[in-house]
Amino acid sequence: MEATGGTALYVCSALFFFLTEVSTEYIHIPTLVHHGIEGRSLLLSVETHFSMDEVEIQGTWSHTRPSGTRATLVTFTKESTITHMMYRNHLLFRNPNVSLLIRKLNPDDEGDYTLDLNIEFHNKTGLVIKEKTVHVTVDVPISSPVIEKNPSYAVIEDKANATLSCSVERGTRVVFQWLRDNVALSPNDRYHFSQENSTLFISPVRKEDKGTYRCVASNPVSPGRHSRAVELNVYYGPYNLEVNSGQGLRTGEVFTINPGELVFFECQADSNPPNSYVWISKSRNTTQVITEGPRLEVRSYRLAQAEEYLCRAFNNVTQKQDEAQFTLVVASLGPGKEKHTQDGSSVSPLVAITVCSFFIIGLMLLFFLRRTCHPKRVLINIYKRPLSEQKRPHRSGHEDATEDFGIYEFVSIPGKMESAQDSCRSLARLESVQDMHTTIYDVIRHVPETPTHSLLK
């Protein structure tokens, strides 16, 4: 009795497993959720992995709308199909795979489509009952989103709010996402979103809210579509005010420079719009406005041993200001520091090398000319010639001029002063001689023979 009971239990288990395997293996619906596009067709595909010649089938397709109403669309067997008369032009049942085609989807076609299928195999006992549900949505593709900003002008931080709204002309079930500088935004204590994320409300606006905003719209049948960029301009600052200089030595808020050095200071702060800057000197318990603008020039020779300065940055829109104070000390820093002269100009190394080169070349040329054209040496060379050459008559004065070329000057030779005076008196008689500077040709031509002879004695 116990053996018979065990055998029966085994047979039932095997039959249940067989029927389950049949239902899983022979009937398959690839997609259980379909996102249809309004106006287009949609196929609810069913795959049957058995031969229709070996079975008898009977089934129905039914539609349950979101409201809950249910309607039978198609009743079918292997030999016949009956379609509900209200859907004859809207549905197409496809044999032998029992798929259903919906033509020209409209919003009323949304809902759950259920396939009830009974399968009976000719060569096997038992009935396979199968039920599958497919969910269908119908959507309209979305158009390009557009952002509207309120207010449309720039806003001041901590004093104003900003609202950005994103909308589309076409599209259903649209989901919006907001980006600032291509980074997705999420709700926080200042960022508030509407229920469908179509509106972003910023309260209050801060410096970090400045940037480029875009919204991305999407739905089940449209990929994310980006809007055009919208700039949110925020007036803020000044923040992080700093005073810097490329000269001298800085220790904290103290700058040390060499005597006679020209120093430039830069005052910078993060601000929108740009700040206006004022430089103030503080000495002897008095303050004095030195100049305006981000740059200060200080000539150390005009300073005492130490002096305090202050840079004040002011934003004319936000009406906020910030100050940075520092001390300037004049002291020798030793070699290796960059120096700036009082007139603010420095000599280029290339210019110095060029000037030195020209100076050396000039000295060399002067030395060479004095060696080759020394007047005393030329005159002595003439007097050292043999007496016969000196007394040789000159017919025109040009025959030996090439030998006597040079620069001449009259010199006094000890013991010969009397002859030299006679020579000078002879030269004075010449009408063409206006001064002691004459050509070598004239000197040779007009020097009297007798004085020359007396000079050589």
Protein backbone atom coordinates (compact mmCIF):
# COMPACT_ATOMS: atom_id res chain seq x y z
CA MET A 1 0.00 0.00 0.00
CA GLU A 2 2.85 2.31 0.89
CA ALA A 3 4.70 1.40 -2.33
CA THR A 4 1.60 2.19 -4.42
CA GLY A 5 1.22 5.60 -2.69
CA GLY A 6 4.87 6.44 -3.29
CA THR A 7 4.59 5.54 -6.97
CA ALA A 8 1.51 7.74 -7.39
CA LEU A 9 3.24 10.67 -5.74
CA TYR A 10 6.22 10.27 -8.02
CA VAL A 11 4.00 10.18 -11.12
CA CYS A 12 2.16 13.34 -10.08
CA SER A 13 5.40 15.15 -9.43
CA ALA A 14 6.78 14.13 -12.78
CA LEU A 15 3.55 15.22 -14.53
CA PHE A 16 3.63 18.63 -12.80
CA PHE A 17 7.27 19.10 -13.78
CA PHE A 18 6.49 18.08 -17.36
CA LEU A 19 3.59 20.52 -17.64
CA THR A 20 5.72 23.30 -16.17
CA GLU A 21 8.52 22.58 -18.59
CA VAL A 22 6.05 22.63 -21.49
CA SER A 23 4.61 25.97 -20.41
CA THR A 24 8.10 27.44 -20.13
CA GLU A 25 9.61 25.94 -23.22
CA TYR A 26 6.80 26.12 -25.79
CA ILE A 27 5.36 29.57 -25.06
CA HIS A 28 7.51 32.71 -24.87
CA ILE A 29 6.79 36.45 -25.04
CA PRO A 30 10.05 38.37 -25.65
CA THR A 31 8.89 41.74 -24.31
CA LEU A 32 6.48 42.22 -21.47
CA VAL A 33 6.56 46.06 -21.59
CA HIS A 34 6.12 48.02 -24.80
CA HIS A 35 6.52 51.80 -25.18
CA GLY A 36 4.54 52.64 -28.26
CA ILE A 37 4.56 55.90 -30.23
CA GLU A 38 1.26 57.54 -30.96
CA GLY A 39 0.23 57.07 -34.59
CA ARG A 40 2.50 54.09 -35.19
CA SER A 41 1.82 50.34 -35.13
CA LEU A 42 2.86 48.00 -32.31
CA LEU A 43 3.31 44.24 -32.48
CA LEU A 44 2.73 42.13 -29.37
CA SER A 45 4.96 39.26 -30.39
CA VAL A 46 4.49 35.67 -29.14
CA GLU A 47 6.85 32.79 -29.85
CA THR A 48 5.43 29.25 -30.00
CA HIS A 49 7.93 26.41 -29.90
CA PHE A 50 5.65 23.60 -31.04
CA SER A 51 3.98 22.43 -34.23
CA MET A 52 0.33 23.39 -34.71
CA ASP A 53 -0.30 20.01 -36.32
CA GLU A 54 0.38 18.27 -33.00
CA VAL A 55 -1.88 20.38 -30.78
CA GLU A 56 -5.28 21.89 -30.36
CA ILE A 57 -5.33 25.45 -29.06
CA GLN A 58 -7.90 27.85 -27.76
CA GLY A 59 -7.25 31.33 -26.41
CA THR A 60 -8.15 34.99 -26.08
CA TRP A 61 -6.48 38.42 -26.14
CA SER A 62 -8.05 40.91 -23.76
CA HIS A 63 -7.34 44.55 -22.93
CA THR A 64 -7.57 46.15 -19.48
CA ARG A 65 -7.45 49.94 -19.55
CA PRO A 66 -5.86 52.08 -16.79
CA SER A 67 -9.38 52.89 -15.61
CA GLY A 68 -9.93 49.19 -14.90
CA THR A 69 -12.41 48.34 -17.68
CA ARG A 70 -11.67 45.07 -19.44
CA ALA A 71 -12.64 44.04 -22.97
CA THR A 72 -12.06 40.85 -24.96
CA LEU A 73 -10.39 41.71 -28.26
CA VAL A 74 -9.87 38.37 -30.04
CA THR A 75 -11.05 34.80 -29.46
CA PHE A 76 -9.26 32.16 -31.48
CA THR A 77 -8.71 28.47 -32.11
CA LYS A 78 -6.42 26.72 -34.54
CA GLU A 79 -9.09 26.83 -37.22
CA SER A 80 -10.84 30.16 -36.62
CA THR A 81 -10.50 33.68 -35.24
CA ILE A 82 -13.17 36.02 -33.97
CA THR A 83 -12.26 39.67 -33.49
CA HIS A 84 -14.44 42.07 -31.53
CA MET A 85 -16.36 44.09 -34.07
CA MET A 86 -15.27 47.39 -32.46
CA TYR A 87 -11.61 46.53 -33.11
CA ARG A 88 -11.75 44.84 -36.52
CA ASN A 89 -10.01 47.73 -38.26
CA HIS A 90 -7.68 48.39 -35.41
CA LEU A 91 -6.32 44.91 -34.60
CA LEU A 92 -4.79 42.11 -36.60
CA PHE A 93 -4.44 38.59 -35.16
CA ARG A 94 -1.59 36.59 -36.66
CA ASN A 95 -1.72 32.83 -36.97
CA PRO A 96 -0.08 30.49 -36.25
CA ASN A 97 2.06 32.24 -33.58
CA VAL A 98 -0.97 33.96 -31.92
CA SER A 99 0.71 37.40 -31.98
CA LEU A 100 -1.39 40.59 -31.97
CA LEU A 101 -0.73 43.72 -34.06
CA ILE A 102 -2.19 47.07 -32.96
CA ARG A 103 -2.51 49.56 -35.78
CA LYS A 104 -2.02 53.32 -35.30
CA LEU A 105 -1.70 53.56 -31.58
CA ASN A 106 -3.72 56.15 -29.72
CA PRO A 107 -3.90 57.01 -26.01
CA ASP A 108 -6.90 54.66 -25.54
CA ASP A 109 -4.66 51.71 -26.42
CA GLU A 110 -2.69 52.04 -23.20
CA GLY A 111 -3.08 49.35 -20.59
CA ASP A 112 -2.48 45.64 -20.02
CA TYR A 113 -2.95 43.08 -22.79
CA THR A 114 -3.47 39.54 -21.52
CA LEU A 115 -3.06 36.33 -23.51
CA ASP A 116 -4.95 33.31 -22.16
CA LEU A 117 -3.91 30.16 -24.04
CA ASN A 118 -4.98 26.54 -23.62
CA ILE A 119 -2.82 23.91 -25.36
CA GLU A 120 -3.69 20.22 -25.75
CA PHE A 121 -1.15 17.87 -27.35
CA HIS A 122 -2.49 15.00 -29.49
CA ASN A 123 0.04 12.38 -28.37
CA LYS A 124 0.10 13.34 -24.70
CA THR A 125 -2.38 13.59 -21.95
CA GLY A 126 -2.98 16.75 -20.01
CA LEU A 127 -3.80 20.37 -20.80
CA VAL A 128 -1.36 23.26 -20.67
CA ILE A 129 -2.93 26.53 -19.54
CA LYS A 130 -0.85 29.63 -20.12
CA GLU A 131 -1.50 33.26 -19.22
CA LYS A 132 0.81 36.15 -20.08
CA THR A 133 0.31 39.90 -19.60
CA VAL A 134 1.98 42.62 -21.68
CA HIS A 135 1.97 46.25 -20.54
CA VAL A 136 1.64 48.92 -23.26
CA THR A 137 2.17 52.67 -23.00
CA VAL A 138 1.53 55.22 -25.72
CA ASP A 139 3.63 58.37 -25.80
CA VAL A 140 4.27 61.38 -28.00
CA PRO A 141 7.92 62.20 -28.82
CA ILE A 142 9.06 65.39 -27.15
CA SER A 143 10.21 68.58 -28.86
CA SER A 144 13.27 70.60 -27.90
CA PRO A 145 12.93 72.05 -24.41
CA VAL A 146 13.06 75.79 -23.80
CA ILE A 147 14.18 77.57 -20.62
CA GLU A 148 12.61 80.73 -19.28
CA LYS A 149 14.58 82.68 -16.66
CA ASN A 150 13.05 85.03 -14.12
CA PRO A 151 14.34 87.65 -13.61
CA SER A 152 15.99 87.95 -17.00
CA TYR A 153 18.74 90.29 -15.76
CA ALA A 154 21.70 89.66 -13.44
CA VAL A 155 20.96 89.22 -9.75
CA ILE A 156 22.86 90.17 -6.60
CA GLU A 157 23.92 87.42 -4.24
CA ASP A 158 22.08 87.07 -0.94
CA LYS A 159 19.59 89.73 -2.05
CA ALA A 160 17.63 88.03 -4.85
CA ASN A 161 16.04 84.75 -5.94
CA ALA A 162 16.00 83.11 -9.38
CA THR A 163 13.46 80.88 -11.09
CA LEU A 164 14.22 78.71 -14.15
CA SER A 165 11.34 76.99 -15.94
CA CYS A 166 11.69 74.31 -18.64
CA SER A 167 8.89 73.42 -21.06
CA VAL A 168 8.24 71.51 -24.29
CA GLU A 169 5.64 72.05 -27.01
CA ARG A 170 5.07 68.34 -27.57
CA GLY A 171 5.59 65.25 -25.48
CA THR A 172 3.94 63.06 -22.89
CA ARG A 173 5.25 61.80 -19.59
CA VAL A 174 8.20 64.20 -19.84
CA VAL A 175 10.89 63.97 -17.21
CA PHE A 176 13.18 66.98 -16.70
CA GLN A 177 16.70 67.17 -15.37
CA TRP A 178 18.72 70.33 -14.64
CA LEU A 179 22.41 70.86 -15.35
CA ARG A 180 24.73 73.67 -14.32
CA ASP A 181 28.01 73.72 -16.22
CA ASN A 182 27.14 70.16 -17.38
CA VAL A 183 26.80 68.88 -13.79
CA ALA A 184 23.45 67.45 -12.66
CA LEU A 185 21.68 69.37 -9.90
CA SER A 186 19.82 67.84 -6.99
CA PRO A 187 17.60 69.36 -4.30
CA ASN A 188 19.25 71.07 -1.31
CA ASP A 189 18.44 73.81 1.16
CA ARG A 190 18.53 76.46 -1.59
CA TYR A 191 17.53 74.42 -4.68
CA HIS A 192 13.86 73.55 -4.89
CA PHE A 193 12.23 71.60 -7.75
CA SER A 194 8.63 71.27 -8.85
CA GLN A 195 6.98 67.86 -8.84
CA GLU A 196 8.01 66.98 -12.40
CA ASN A 197 11.31 68.91 -12.12
CA SER A 198 10.18 71.36 -14.78
CA THR A 199 10.92 74.35 -12.51
CA LEU A 200 14.05 75.14 -10.53
CA PHE A 201 13.76 77.74 -7.77
CA ILE A 202 17.00 79.11 -6.21
CA SER A 203 16.62 81.02 -2.95
CA PRO A 204 18.74 82.94 -2.20
CA VAL A 205 21.22 83.21 -5.06
CA ARG A 206 24.89 82.84 -4.20
CA LYS A 207 28.21 83.23 -5.99
CA GLU A 208 28.45 79.51 -6.80
CA ASP A 209 25.11 79.67 -8.67
CA LYS A 210 26.70 81.70 -11.44
CA GLY A 211 27.09 79.59 -14.58
CA THR A 212 25.47 78.01 -17.63
CA TYR A 213 22.16 76.20 -17.12
CA ARG A 214 20.52 73.60 -19.34
CA CYS A 215 17.53 71.34 -18.92
CA VAL A 216 17.26 67.83 -20.35
CA ALA A 217 13.79 66.52 -21.29
CA SER A 218 13.07 62.85 -21.95
CA ASN A 219 10.24 60.32 -22.05
CA PRO A 220 10.00 56.58 -22.81
CA VAL A 221 10.07 57.10 -26.60
CA SER A 222 12.54 60.02 -26.79
CA PRO A 223 16.17 60.16 -25.68
CA GLY A 224 17.28 63.09 -23.55
CA ARG A 225 16.96 66.34 -25.47
CA HIS A 226 18.99 69.33 -24.28
CA SER A 227 17.82 72.90 -24.24
CA ARG A 228 19.92 75.86 -25.26
CA ALA A 229 22.24 77.23 -22.62
CA VAL A 230 21.04 80.04 -20.38
CA GLU A 231 23.51 82.15 -18.40
CA LEU A 232 22.72 83.07 -14.84
CA ASN A 233 24.82 86.10 -13.99
CA VAL A 234 25.35 86.73 -10.29
CA TYR A 235 26.98 89.85 -8.86
CA TYR A 236 29.20 88.99 -5.88
CA GLY A 237 32.34 89.88 -4.01
CA PRO A 238 34.90 91.03 -3.32
CA TYR A 239 36.35 87.78 -1.98
CA ASN A 240 39.90 86.54 -1.27
CA LEU A 241 41.62 89.92 -1.49
CA GLU A 242 45.41 89.59 -1.88
CA VAL A 243 48.39 91.92 -2.37
CA ASN A 244 51.33 90.47 -4.29
CA SER A 245 54.66 91.71 -5.63
CA GLY A 246 57.39 90.18 -7.76
CA GLN A 247 60.15 92.15 -6.05
CA GLY A 248 61.69 92.09 -2.63
CA LEU A 249 61.30 89.52 0.12
CA ARG A 250 57.92 88.75 1.66
CA THR A 251 57.42 87.48 5.19
CA GLY A 252 53.75 87.27 6.07
CA GLU A 253 52.36 90.75 5.56
CA VAL A 254 55.80 92.42 5.48
CA PHE A 255 57.66 93.20 2.25
CA THR A 256 61.39 94.01 2.46
CA ILE A 257 63.09 95.79 -0.44
CA ASN A 258 66.56 97.15 -1.19
CA PRO A 259 67.29 100.86 -0.99
CA GLY A 260 66.74 102.54 -4.34
CA GLU A 261 64.58 99.71 -5.62
CA LEU A 262 61.39 100.35 -7.62
CA VAL A 263 58.59 98.01 -6.47
CA PHE A 264 55.21 97.21 -8.01
CA PHE A 265 52.29 95.81 -6.02
CA GLU A 266 49.18 94.10 -7.44
CA CYS A 267 45.87 94.05 -5.58
CA GLN A 268 43.50 91.27 -6.67
CA ALA A 269 40.12 89.98 -5.47
CA ASP A 270 37.41 87.68 -6.81
CA SER A 271 34.48 89.88 -7.74
CA ASN A 272 31.73 90.36 -10.30
CA PRO A 273 31.70 93.00 -11.68
CA PRO A 274 35.40 93.88 -11.24
CA ASN A 275 36.26 95.89 -8.16
CA SER A 276 37.48 99.44 -7.92
CA TYR A 277 40.75 99.70 -5.96
CA VAL A 278 42.18 102.43 -3.75
CA TRP A 279 45.70 102.47 -2.27
CA ILE A 280 46.14 104.20 1.08
CA SER A 281 49.35 105.12 2.90
CA LYS A 282 49.32 105.01 6.70
CA SER A 283 52.08 106.90 8.43
CA ARG A 284 52.33 109.05 11.57
CA ASN A 285 48.73 108.25 12.56
CA THR A 286 47.45 109.73 9.29
CA THR A 287 46.03 108.12 6.18
CA GLN A 288 46.41 109.39 2.66
CA VAL A 289 44.98 108.12 -0.61
CA ILE A 290 47.94 107.53 -2.93
CA THR A 291 46.36 106.29 -6.13
CA GLU A 292 43.48 104.30 -7.61
CA GLY A 293 43.57 101.10 -9.61
CA PRO A 294 44.87 97.57 -9.02
CA ARG A 295 48.58 98.51 -9.41
CA LEU A 296 50.79 100.51 -7.04
CA GLU A 297 54.30 101.78 -7.81
CA VAL A 298 56.58 102.58 -4.87
CA ARG A 299 60.04 104.18 -5.09
CA SER A 300 61.96 103.14 -2.03
CA TYR A 301 64.21 106.22 -1.94
CA ARG A 302 61.14 108.27 -1.06
CA LEU A 303 60.33 106.11 1.94
CA ALA A 304 61.38 106.17 5.52
CA GLN A 305 62.68 102.99 7.13
CA ALA A 306 59.22 101.39 7.14
CA GLU A 307 55.75 102.40 6.05
CA GLU A 308 52.29 100.80 6.11
CA TYR A 309 50.01 100.52 3.11
CA LEU A 310 46.43 99.41 2.61
CA CYS A 311 44.59 98.21 -0.48
CA ARG A 312 40.82 98.61 -0.41
CA ALA A 313 38.59 96.80 -2.93
CA PHE A 314 35.01 97.94 -3.43
CA ASN A 315 32.21 96.41 -5.53
CA ASN A 316 29.93 99.17 -6.73
CA VAL A 317 26.99 96.79 -7.34
CA THR A 318 27.01 94.62 -4.23
CA GLN A 319 28.15 97.58 -2.10
CA LYS A 320 30.65 95.29 -0.36
CA GLN A 321 34.31 96.01 0.30
CA ASP A 322 37.40 94.30 1.63
CA GLU A 323 40.83 95.51 2.76
CA ALA A 324 44.37 94.11 2.83
CA GLN A 325 47.12 95.79 4.85
CA PHE A 326 50.89 95.28 4.60
CA THR A 327 54.14 96.87 5.75
CA LEU A 328 56.98 97.93 3.42
CA VAL A 329 60.49 97.91 4.94
CA VAL A 330 63.59 99.35 3.24
CA ALA A 331 66.70 97.31 4.06
CA SER A 332 69.65 95.85 2.20
CA LEU A 333 68.94 92.31 1.09
CA GLY A 334 72.48 91.66 -0.18
CA PRO A 335 73.52 90.42 -3.64
CA GLY A 336 71.40 88.18 -5.75
CA LYS A 337 68.27 90.31 -5.57
CA GLU A 338 66.83 91.97 -8.61
CA LYS A 339 67.35 95.75 -8.50
CA HIS A 340 65.31 98.47 -10.09
CA THR A 341 66.84 101.94 -10.41
CA GLN A 342 65.10 105.07 -9.33
CA ASP A 343 64.11 106.05 -12.82
CA GLY A 344 62.51 102.67 -13.29
CA SER A 345 64.78 101.56 -16.13
CA SER A 346 67.37 98.79 -16.16
CA VAL A 347 70.32 98.38 -18.54
CA SER A 348 70.02 95.39 -20.78
CA PRO A 349 73.12 93.11 -20.76
CA LEU A 350 73.09 93.09 -24.57
CA VAL A 351 73.23 96.90 -24.68
CA ALA A 352 76.12 96.97 -22.20
CA ILE A 353 78.10 94.43 -24.21
CA THR A 354 77.50 96.37 -27.43
CA VAL A 355 78.66 99.69 -25.93
CA CYS A 356 81.80 98.10 -24.49
CA SER A 357 82.59 96.45 -27.82
CA PHE A 358 82.32 99.76 -29.72
CA PHE A 359 84.47 101.49 -27.10
CA ILE A 360 87.25 98.88 -27.42
CA ILE A 361 87.12 99.00 -31.22
CA GLY A 362 87.39 102.82 -31.09
CA LEU A 363 90.45 102.66 -28.85
CA MET A 364 92.10 100.16 -31.18
CA LEU A 365 91.45 102.33 -34.25
CA LEU A 366 92.83 105.44 -32.49
CA PHE A 367 95.96 103.58 -31.44
CA PHE A 368 96.49 102.28 -34.97
CA LEU A 369 96.12 105.76 -36.53
CA ARG A 370 98.55 107.32 -34.08
CA ARG A 371 101.13 104.64 -34.79
CA THR A 372 100.87 105.00 -38.57
CA CYS A 373 100.43 108.81 -38.83
CA HIS A 374 102.50 110.25 -35.96
CA PRO A 375 103.41 113.88 -37.06
CA LYS A 376 106.68 114.16 -35.16
CA ARG A 377 107.94 110.88 -36.53
CA VAL A 378 107.14 111.91 -40.11
CA LEU A 379 108.91 115.26 -39.74
CA ILE A 380 112.01 113.67 -38.21
CA ASN A 381 112.10 111.12 -41.01
CA ILE A 382 112.21 113.97 -43.51
CA TYR A 383 115.04 115.70 -41.70
CA LYS A 384 117.04 112.46 -41.54
CA ARG A 385 117.16 112.18 -45.30
CA PRO A 386 120.54 112.74 -46.99
CA LEU A 387 121.34 116.41 -47.66
CA SER A 388 121.53 115.78 -51.36
CA GLU A 389 117.88 114.62 -51.36
CA GLN A 390 116.81 117.61 -49.31
CA LYS A 391 118.60 120.05 -51.67
CA ARG A 392 117.30 118.37 -54.79
CA PRO A 393 115.26 120.91 -56.69
CA HIS A 394 111.56 120.37 -57.20
CA ARG A 395 110.26 121.25 -60.57
CA SER A 396 106.62 121.07 -59.72
CA GLY A 397 106.45 119.95 -56.16
CA HIS A 398 104.45 116.79 -57.01
CA GLU A 399 107.19 114.32 -57.97
CA ASP A 400 108.09 113.23 -54.43
CA ALA A 401 104.82 114.03 -52.72
CA THR A 402 103.97 110.36 -52.28
CA GLU A 403 107.07 109.81 -50.20
CA ASP A 404 106.33 112.77 -47.94
CA PHE A 405 102.63 112.06 -47.31
CA GLY A 406 101.59 112.48 -43.69
CA ILE A 407 100.50 114.91 -41.01
CA TYR A 408 103.04 117.62 -40.10
CA GLU A 409 103.41 119.97 -37.21
CA PHE A 410 106.18 122.42 -36.39
CA VAL A 411 108.24 121.51 -33.38
CA SER A 412 110.98 123.31 -31.56
CA ILE A 413 114.40 121.64 -31.52
CA PRO A 414 116.82 122.77 -28.80
CA GLY A 415 119.73 124.80 -30.19
CA LYS A 416 117.93 125.49 -33.42
CA MET A 417 115.45 128.12 -32.23
CA GLU A 418 116.91 130.88 -34.39
CA SER A 419 116.66 128.89 -37.60
CA ALA A 420 113.13 127.80 -36.70
CA GLN A 421 112.06 131.44 -36.29
CA ASP A 422 113.48 132.28 -39.73
CA SER A 423 111.52 129.40 -41.16
CA CYS A 424 108.30 130.60 -39.55
CA ARG A 425 108.86 134.13 -40.87
CA SER A 426 109.27 132.71 -44.37
CA LEU A 427 106.02 130.85 -44.07
CA ALA A 428 104.23 133.94 -42.85
CA ARG A 429 104.97 135.68 -46.12
CA LEU A 430 102.88 133.21 -48.02
CA GLU A 431 99.61 134.79 -49.09
CA SER A 432 97.84 131.44 -49.29
CA VAL A 433 98.61 130.47 -45.69
CA GLN A 434 95.89 131.72 -43.31
CA ASP A 435 96.89 129.63 -40.32
CA MET A 436 99.31 126.91 -39.27
CA HIS A 437 97.10 124.15 -40.66
CA THR A 438 97.99 123.53 -44.31
CA THR A 439 98.49 120.52 -46.56
CA ILE A 440 101.67 118.50 -46.68
CA TYR A 441 102.14 119.59 -50.24
CA ASP A 442 102.19 123.26 -49.25
CA VAL A 443 104.61 122.65 -46.40
CA ILE A 444 107.10 120.85 -48.61
CA ARG A 445 106.80 123.41 -51.39
CA HIS A 446 107.26 126.53 -49.27
CA VAL A 447 109.85 125.45 -46.69
CA PRO A 448 112.98 127.52 -47.55
CA GLU A 449 116.08 125.58 -48.31
CA THR A 450 118.45 127.44 -46.01
CA PRO A 451 116.34 127.10 -42.80
CA THR A 452 115.96 123.43 -43.42
CA HIS A 453 119.71 123.09 -43.79
CA SER A 454 120.26 124.97 -40.56
CA LEU A 455 117.80 122.70 -38.69
CA LEU A 456 119.83 119.67 -39.72
CA LYS A 457 123.16 121.02 -38.61
